[in-house]
C-alpha atoms as a PDB file:
ATOM      1  CA  MET A   1      11.762  25.527  16.878  1.00  0.00           C
ATOM      2  CA  PRO A   2      13.855  22.668  17.022  1.00  0.00           C
ATOM      3  CA  ILE A   3      12.339  18.933  17.619  1.00  0.00           C
ATOM      4  CA  ARG A   4      12.795  17.841  21.101  1.00  0.00           C
ATOM      5  CA  SER A   5      15.579  15.064  21.016  1.00  0.00           C
ATOM      6  CA  GLU A   6      13.061  12.312  22.575  1.00  0.00           C
ATOM      7  CA  LEU A   7      10.938  13.134  19.677  1.00  0.00           C
ATOM      8  CA  GLN A   8      13.785  12.969  17.106  1.00  0.00           C
ATOM      9  CA  ALA A   9      14.951   9.757  18.347  1.00  0.00           C
ATOM     10  CA  LYS A  10      11.077   8.477  17.931  1.00  0.00           C
ATOM     11  CA  ILE A  11      11.248   9.892  14.218  1.00  0.00           C
ATOM     12  CA  ASP A  12      14.399   8.715  13.550  1.00  0.00           C
ATOM     13  CA  ALA A  13      13.715   5.005  15.121  1.00  0.00           C
ATOM     14  CA  LEU A  14      10.507   4.712  12.040  1.00  0.00           C
ATOM     15  CA  GLU A  15      11.532   2.081   9.556  1.00  0.00           C
ATOM     16  CA  ASP A  16       9.245   3.501   6.880  1.00  0.00           C
ATOM     17  CA  GLU A  17      11.562   6.083   5.167  1.00  0.00           C
ATOM     18  CA  ASP A  18       8.625   8.297   3.655  1.00  0.00           C
ATOM     19  CA  LEU A  19       6.780   8.486   6.796  1.00  0.00           C
ATOM     20  CA  ARG A  20       9.695   9.915   8.407  1.00  0.00           C
ATOM     21  CA  ALA A  21      10.054  12.582   5.935  1.00  0.00           C
ATOM     22  CA  ARG A  22       6.656  13.158   6.076  1.00  0.00           C
ATOM     23  CA  ILE A  23       6.309  13.699   9.759  1.00  0.00           C
ATOM     24  CA  LEU A  24       9.729  16.101   9.248  1.00  0.00           C
ATOM     25  CA  ARG A  25       8.325  17.973   6.714  1.00  0.00           C
ATOM     26  CA  VAL A  26       5.469  18.756   8.761  1.00  0.00           C
ATOM     27  CA  LEU A  27       7.334  19.841  11.787  1.00  0.00           C
ATOM     28  CA  THR A  28      10.116  21.835  10.109  1.00  0.00           C
ATOM     29  CA  GLY A  29       8.046  23.460   7.571  1.00  0.00           C
ATOM     30  CA  PRO A  30       6.946  27.000   7.183  1.00  0.00           C
ATOM     31  CA  GLY A  31       3.340  27.822   9.075  1.00  0.00           C
ATOM     32  CA  LYS A  32       1.793  27.968  12.357  1.00  0.00           C
ATOM     33  CA  LYS A  33       1.235  24.778  13.951  1.00  0.00           C
ATOM     34  CA  ARG A  34      -1.906  24.238  15.404  1.00  0.00           C
ATOM     35  CA  ALA A  35      -0.989  21.099  17.611  1.00  0.00           C
ATOM     36  CA  SER A  36       2.446  20.228  19.722  1.00  0.00           C
ATOM     37  CA  ASP A  37       5.119  18.402  17.671  1.00  0.00           C
ATOM     38  CA  GLU A  38       4.101  15.097  19.567  1.00  0.00           C
ATOM     39  CA  GLU A  39       0.503  15.563  18.615  1.00  0.00           C
ATOM     40  CA  ILE A  40       1.732  15.915  15.085  1.00  0.00           C
ATOM     41  CA  TYR A  41       3.686  12.772  15.376  1.00  0.00           C
ATOM     42  CA  GLU A  42       0.899  10.874  16.960  1.00  0.00           C
ATOM     43  CA  THR A  43      -1.486  11.773  14.525  1.00  0.00           C
ATOM     44  CA  ALA A  44       0.874  10.651  11.423  1.00  0.00           C
ATOM     45  CA  LEU A  45       1.364   7.430  13.212  1.00  0.00           C
ATOM     46  CA  ALA A  46      -2.159   6.494  13.655  1.00  0.00           C
ATOM     47  CA  GLY A  47      -3.329   7.591  10.025  1.00  0.00           C
ATOM     48  CA  TYR A  48      -0.272   5.445   8.837  1.00  0.00           C
ATOM     49  CA  ALA A  49      -1.336   2.512  10.907  1.00  0.00           C
ATOM     50  CA  MET A  50      -4.985   2.895   9.778  1.00  0.00           C
ATOM     51  CA  ALA A  51      -3.653   2.851   6.182  1.00  0.00           C
ATOM     52  CA  LYS A  52      -1.665  -0.208   6.806  1.00  0.00           C
ATOM     53  CA  GLU A  53      -4.459  -2.312   8.275  1.00  0.00           C
ATOM     54  CA  GLN A  54      -6.989  -0.974   5.341  1.00  0.00           C
ATOM     55  CA  GLN A  55      -4.334  -2.139   2.620  1.00  0.00           C
ATOM     56  CA  ALA A  56      -4.005  -5.525   4.613  1.00  0.00           C
ATOM     57  CA  ARG A  57      -7.594  -6.207   4.017  1.00  0.00           C
ATOM     58  CA  LEU A  58      -7.562  -5.388   0.575  1.00  0.00           C
ATOM     59  CA  ARG A  59      -8.061  -8.810  -1.360  1.00  0.00           C
ATOM     60  CA  LYS A  60      -4.807  -9.569  -3.088  1.00  0.00           C
ATOM     61  CA  TRP A  61      -5.768 -10.419  -6.922  1.00  0.00           C
ATOM     62  CA  ARG A  62      -3.846 -13.174  -8.462  1.00  0.00           C
ATOM     63  CA  ASP A  63      -2.903 -12.874 -11.959  1.00  0.00           C
ATOM     64  CA  ASP A  64      -5.307 -15.727 -13.117  1.00  0.00           C
ATOM     65  CA  GLU A  65      -8.324 -14.044 -11.364  1.00  0.00           C
ATOM     66  CA  VAL A  66      -7.443 -10.786 -13.457  1.00  0.00           C
ATOM     67  CA  VAL A  67      -7.015 -12.601 -16.562  1.00  0.00           C
ATOM     68  CA  PHE A  68     -10.356 -14.695 -15.805  1.00  0.00           C
ATOM     69  CA  PHE A  69     -12.301 -11.498 -15.060  1.00  0.00           C
ATOM     70  CA  CYS A  70     -10.830  -9.875 -18.632  1.00  0.00           C
ATOM     71  CA  ALA A  71     -12.100 -12.845 -20.533  1.00  0.00           C
ATOM     72  CA  ILE A  72     -15.166 -12.291 -18.394  1.00  0.00           C
ATOM     73  CA  PHE A  73     -15.593  -8.437 -19.637  1.00  0.00           C
ATOM     74  CA  GLN A  74     -14.792  -9.391 -23.103  1.00  0.00           C
ATOM     75  CA  GLY A  75     -17.380 -12.058 -23.413  1.00  0.00           C
ATOM     76  CA  LYS A  76     -20.433 -10.157 -21.598  1.00  0.00           C
ATOM     77  CA  LYS A  77     -19.556  -6.842 -22.778  1.00  0.00           C
ATOM     78  CA  PRO A  78     -17.522  -6.986 -26.073  1.00  0.00           C
ATOM     79  CA  GLU A  79     -18.190  -3.418 -26.936  1.00  0.00           C
ATOM     80  CA  ASP A  80     -17.252  -1.883 -23.832  1.00  0.00           C
ATOM     81  CA  TYR A  81     -14.154  -4.513 -23.655  1.00  0.00           C
ATOM     82  CA  SER A  82     -13.126  -2.609 -27.049  1.00  0.00           C
ATOM     83  CA  GLU A  83     -13.654   0.514 -26.022  1.00  0.00           C
ATOM     84  CA  PHE A  84     -11.643  -0.113 -22.636  1.00  0.00           C
ATOM     85  CA  LEU A  85      -8.870  -1.247 -24.751  1.00  0.00           C
ATOM     86  CA  ARG A  86      -9.090   1.928 -27.025  1.00  0.00           C
ATOM     87  CA  GLN A  87      -9.202   4.380 -24.197  1.00  0.00           C
ATOM     88  CA  GLN A  88      -6.504   2.582 -22.373  1.00  0.00           C
ATOM     89  CA  LYS A  89      -4.308   2.626 -25.142  1.00  0.00           C
ATOM     90  CA  GLU A  90      -4.727   5.969 -26.770  1.00  0.00           C
ATOM     91  CA  PHE A  91      -5.584   7.869 -23.427  1.00  0.00           C
ATOM     92  CA  ASN A  92      -4.069   5.755 -20.527  1.00  0.00           C
ATOM     93  CA  GLN A  93      -7.173   6.602 -18.541  1.00  0.00           C
ATOM     94  CA  ILE A  94     -10.823   5.203 -19.068  1.00  0.00           C
ATOM     95  CA  GLU A  95     -13.672   7.649 -18.864  1.00  0.00           C
ATOM     96  CA  SER A  96     -15.818   7.392 -15.640  1.00  0.00           C
ATOM     97  CA  GLU A  97     -19.120   6.000 -17.449  1.00  0.00           C
ATOM     98  CA  LEU A  98     -17.026   3.232 -18.751  1.00  0.00           C
ATOM     99  CA  ALA A  99     -15.628   2.573 -15.505  1.00  0.00           C
ATOM    100  CA  TRP A 100     -18.687   2.466 -13.793  1.00  0.00           C
ATOM    101  CA  ARG A 101     -20.066   0.137 -16.425  1.00  0.00           C
ATOM    102  CA  VAL A 102     -16.800  -2.240 -15.619  1.00  0.00           C
ATOM    103  CA  ARG A 103     -17.388  -1.842 -11.946  1.00  0.00           C
ATOM    104  CA  ARG A 104     -20.972  -2.874 -12.274  1.00  0.00           C
ATOM    105  CA  LEU A 105     -19.901  -6.012 -14.093  1.00  0.00           C
ATOM    106  CA  MET A 106     -17.510  -6.790 -11.402  1.00  0.00           C
ATOM    107  CA  ARG A 107     -20.145  -6.423  -8.659  1.00  0.00           C
ATOM    108  CA  GLU A 108     -22.182  -8.898 -10.802  1.00  0.00           C
ATOM    109  CA  TRP A 109     -19.365 -11.554 -10.865  1.00  0.00           C
ATOM    110  CA  MET A 110     -18.640 -11.196  -7.333  1.00  0.00           C
ATOM    111  CA  PRO A 111     -21.386  -9.495  -5.345  1.00  0.00           C
ATOM    112  CA  ASP A 112     -19.498  -9.570  -2.014  1.00  0.00           C
ATOM    113  CA  LEU A 113     -16.714  -7.487  -3.374  1.00  0.00           C
ATOM    114  CA  ASN A 114     -16.338  -4.001  -1.347  1.00  0.00           C
ATOM    115  CA  SER A 115     -15.196  -0.987  -3.469  1.00  0.00           C
ATOM    116  CA  ASP A 116     -11.910  -0.785  -2.476  1.00  0.00           C
ATOM    117  CA  ASP A 117     -11.427  -4.391  -3.614  1.00  0.00           C
ATOM    118  CA  ARG A 118     -13.243  -3.481  -7.064  1.00  0.00           C
ATOM    119  CA  SER A 119     -11.024  -0.497  -7.315  1.00  0.00           C
ATOM    120  CA  GLU A 120      -7.899  -2.705  -6.671  1.00  0.00           C
ATOM    121  CA  LEU A 121      -9.298  -5.146  -9.452  1.00  0.00           C
ATOM    122  CA  PHE A 122      -9.809  -2.242 -11.790  1.00  0.00           C
ATOM    123  CA  SER A 123      -6.501  -1.238 -11.380  1.00  0.00           C
ATOM    124  CA  LYS A 124      -5.204  -4.685 -11.740  1.00  0.00           C
ATOM    125  CA  LEU A 125      -7.204  -4.594 -15.133  1.00  0.00           C
ATOM    126  CA  ARG A 126      -5.890  -1.497 -16.439  1.00  0.00           C
ATOM    127  CA  ASP A 127      -2.337  -3.072 -15.506  1.00  0.00           C
ATOM    128  CA  TYR A 128      -3.033  -6.023 -17.176  1.00  0.00           C
ATOM    129  CA  VAL A 129      -4.144  -4.541 -20.596  1.00  0.00           C
ATOM    130  CA  LYS A 130      -1.183  -2.443 -20.654  1.00  0.00           C
ATOM    131  CA  LEU A 131       1.030  -5.175 -20.263  1.00  0.00           C
ATOM    132  CA  ASN A 132      -0.455  -7.989 -22.565  1.00  0.00           C
ATOM    133  CA  LEU A 133      -3.014  -6.342 -24.901  1.00  0.00           C
ATOM    134  CA  VAL A 134      -2.478  -2.779 -25.708  1.00  0.00           C
END
């Protein structure tokens, strides 16, 4: 069933190309829909807005903060630090037990960080290690 022209115009007006493509895939894809096209569109927009708000609330880690945490990590947990470097270099991933120890160190360093901010710092730490130390 074709998309109504009014709804198509709303979709076409969206700035985010990925969001447009995602909505069109759902609306034109195979399978039985359990909601109207408008409901699907509204739900997709609401989810997108919520994700953008959450992303905006994340702490923006500066490079010097990542370097500082890396120095703390190396100084307080040298064995874990070496293992972190090894795993990143050899496997391009970190085992969950080591990852939790790193996150606990982050919590000791900055107790007010929420889990999303710790995840972002962990990701930035891995990026820093890939670019500079491995």
